[in-house]
Protein backbone atom coordinates (compact mmCIF):
# COMPACT_ATOMS: atom_id res chain seq x y z
CA MET A 1 128.20 101.09 73.67
CA LYS A 2 130.37 102.06 76.69
CA GLN A 3 127.45 104.17 78.06
CA GLY A 4 125.12 101.22 78.00
CA TRP A 5 127.51 99.16 80.09
CA MET A 6 128.00 102.15 82.49
CA ILE A 7 124.24 102.55 82.96
CA ALA A 8 123.88 98.75 83.55
CA GLY A 9 126.63 98.92 86.13
CA VAL A 10 125.12 101.82 88.02
CA MET A 11 121.67 100.12 88.02
CA ALA A 12 123.17 96.90 89.41
CA GLY A 13 124.95 98.86 92.08
CA LEU A 14 121.77 100.65 93.10
CA LEU A 15 119.84 97.41 93.24
CA SER A 16 122.46 95.83 95.42
CA VAL A 17 122.38 98.71 97.91
CA ASN A 18 118.70 98.16 98.48
CA ALA A 19 118.82 94.35 98.63
CA PRO A 20 119.49 94.07 102.37
CA ALA A 21 116.39 96.01 103.20
CA TRP A 22 114.29 93.42 101.45
CA ALA A 23 115.76 90.66 103.62
CA HIS A 24 114.44 91.85 106.96
CA ALA A 25 111.70 90.08 108.73
CA ARG A 26 108.31 91.69 108.32
CA ARG A 27 104.86 90.98 109.76
CA VAL A 28 102.60 89.41 107.08
CA SER A 29 99.46 88.93 109.23
CA ALA A 30 98.00 89.47 112.72
CA MET A 31 95.17 87.97 114.60
CA PRO A 32 93.15 89.90 115.51
CA ALA A 33 93.76 91.86 112.38
CA ALA A 34 95.18 95.38 112.41
CA ASP A 35 92.54 98.08 112.75
CA SER A 36 89.76 95.51 113.27
CA THR A 37 86.87 95.56 115.66
CA GLY A 38 85.45 92.39 117.20
CA ALA A 39 85.23 90.10 120.24
CA ALA A 40 88.02 89.91 122.83
CA PRO A 41 90.71 87.48 121.71
CA LYS A 42 92.21 84.87 124.06
CA ASP A 43 95.67 85.44 122.52
CA ILE A 44 97.37 87.46 119.81
CA THR A 45 99.13 85.76 116.89
CA LEU A 46 101.63 87.57 114.70
CA THR A 47 102.93 85.80 111.55
CA PHE A 48 106.20 86.85 109.83
CA ASN A 49 107.72 86.14 106.44
CA GLU A 50 110.61 84.28 108.01
CA ALA A 51 111.73 82.69 111.28
CA ILE A 52 112.06 85.15 114.08
CA LYS A 53 113.60 85.54 117.57
CA LEU A 54 111.57 87.44 120.03
CA ILE A 55 113.24 90.38 121.78
CA ASN A 56 110.22 91.98 123.38
CA CYS A 57 106.55 92.32 123.08
CA LYS A 58 103.56 93.74 124.94
CA MET A 59 99.93 94.64 124.61
CA THR A 60 98.49 97.74 126.33
CA GLY A 61 94.90 99.00 126.76
CA ALA A 62 93.68 102.58 126.33
CA ASP A 63 94.74 103.22 129.91
CA GLY A 64 98.31 102.17 129.08
CA LYS A 65 98.39 99.16 131.34
CA ASP A 66 99.89 95.93 130.08
CA VAL A 67 97.14 93.25 129.44
CA ALA A 68 99.09 90.49 127.88
CA GLY A 69 101.66 87.87 129.01
CA VAL A 70 105.09 87.26 127.54
CA GLY A 71 104.94 86.12 124.03
CA ALA A 72 106.82 83.14 122.54
CA PRO A 73 107.59 82.06 119.01
CA ALA A 74 105.41 79.17 117.77
CA ALA A 75 106.70 75.80 116.69
CA ASP A 76 106.86 76.99 113.04
CA GLY A 77 109.32 79.71 114.08
CA LYS A 78 107.52 82.31 111.95
CA SER A 79 104.61 83.01 114.36
CA LEU A 80 104.53 84.77 117.72
CA LYS A 81 101.82 83.94 120.19
CA ILE A 82 101.01 86.46 122.98
CA PRO A 83 98.55 85.18 125.67
CA VAL A 84 95.93 87.64 126.88
CA THR A 85 95.98 87.85 130.67
CA GLY A 86 92.47 88.52 132.10
CA THR A 87 89.32 89.79 130.47
CA LEU A 88 89.60 92.62 127.90
CA ALA A 89 87.12 95.41 128.32
CA ALA A 90 85.60 97.17 125.23
CA GLY A 91 88.13 99.64 123.85
CA LYS A 92 91.30 100.09 121.70
CA TYR A 93 94.40 97.92 122.32
CA THR A 94 97.95 98.36 121.06
CA VAL A 95 100.31 95.53 120.35
CA SER A 96 104.04 96.29 120.21
CA TYR A 97 106.89 93.96 119.41
CA ARG A 98 110.57 93.84 118.68
CA ILE A 99 111.91 90.84 116.89
CA ALA A 100 114.99 89.83 114.94
CA GLY A 101 114.92 87.90 111.73
CA ASP A 102 117.48 85.43 110.21
CA ASP A 103 119.89 88.32 109.53
CA GLY A 104 119.85 89.32 113.20
CA HIS A 105 118.60 92.85 112.53
CA PRO A 106 116.07 93.94 115.08
CA MET A 107 112.72 95.20 113.80
CA ASP A 108 110.01 97.12 115.71
CA GLY A 109 106.30 97.02 115.00
CA THR A 110 103.05 98.26 116.48
CA TYR A 111 99.44 97.80 115.54
CA THR A 112 96.00 98.39 117.08
CA PHE A 113 92.61 96.61 117.23
CA THR A 114 89.44 97.39 119.03
CA VAL A 115 87.36 95.07 121.30
CA ALA A 116 83.70 95.85 120.65
CA SER A 117 81.06 96.10 123.47
CA PRO A 118 79.24 92.75 123.95
């Protein structure tokens, strides 16, 4: 009987160690979608599973030059809008961001999308 309680205690301890990792903010969607190909967007929208604070974000083209303005959290607090500055040529673009969730822990993320030739 004692072994059963010991196993239950160990399992509870292991689950509690992993619990904080589940609490971090994570991206749940992006527009344009990750790895998609389509028309040039006017802005980029990233949506997270919880309210976020923006630390840094940028979008670069294949040549490594920044092609987006400074992002800002949307009114819902869970979305981040990044305005595109200028016209995007056909090619691959990389969106990078650093945000903090409710727990204050900074999280980095990156994804790519492709603008198709007209």
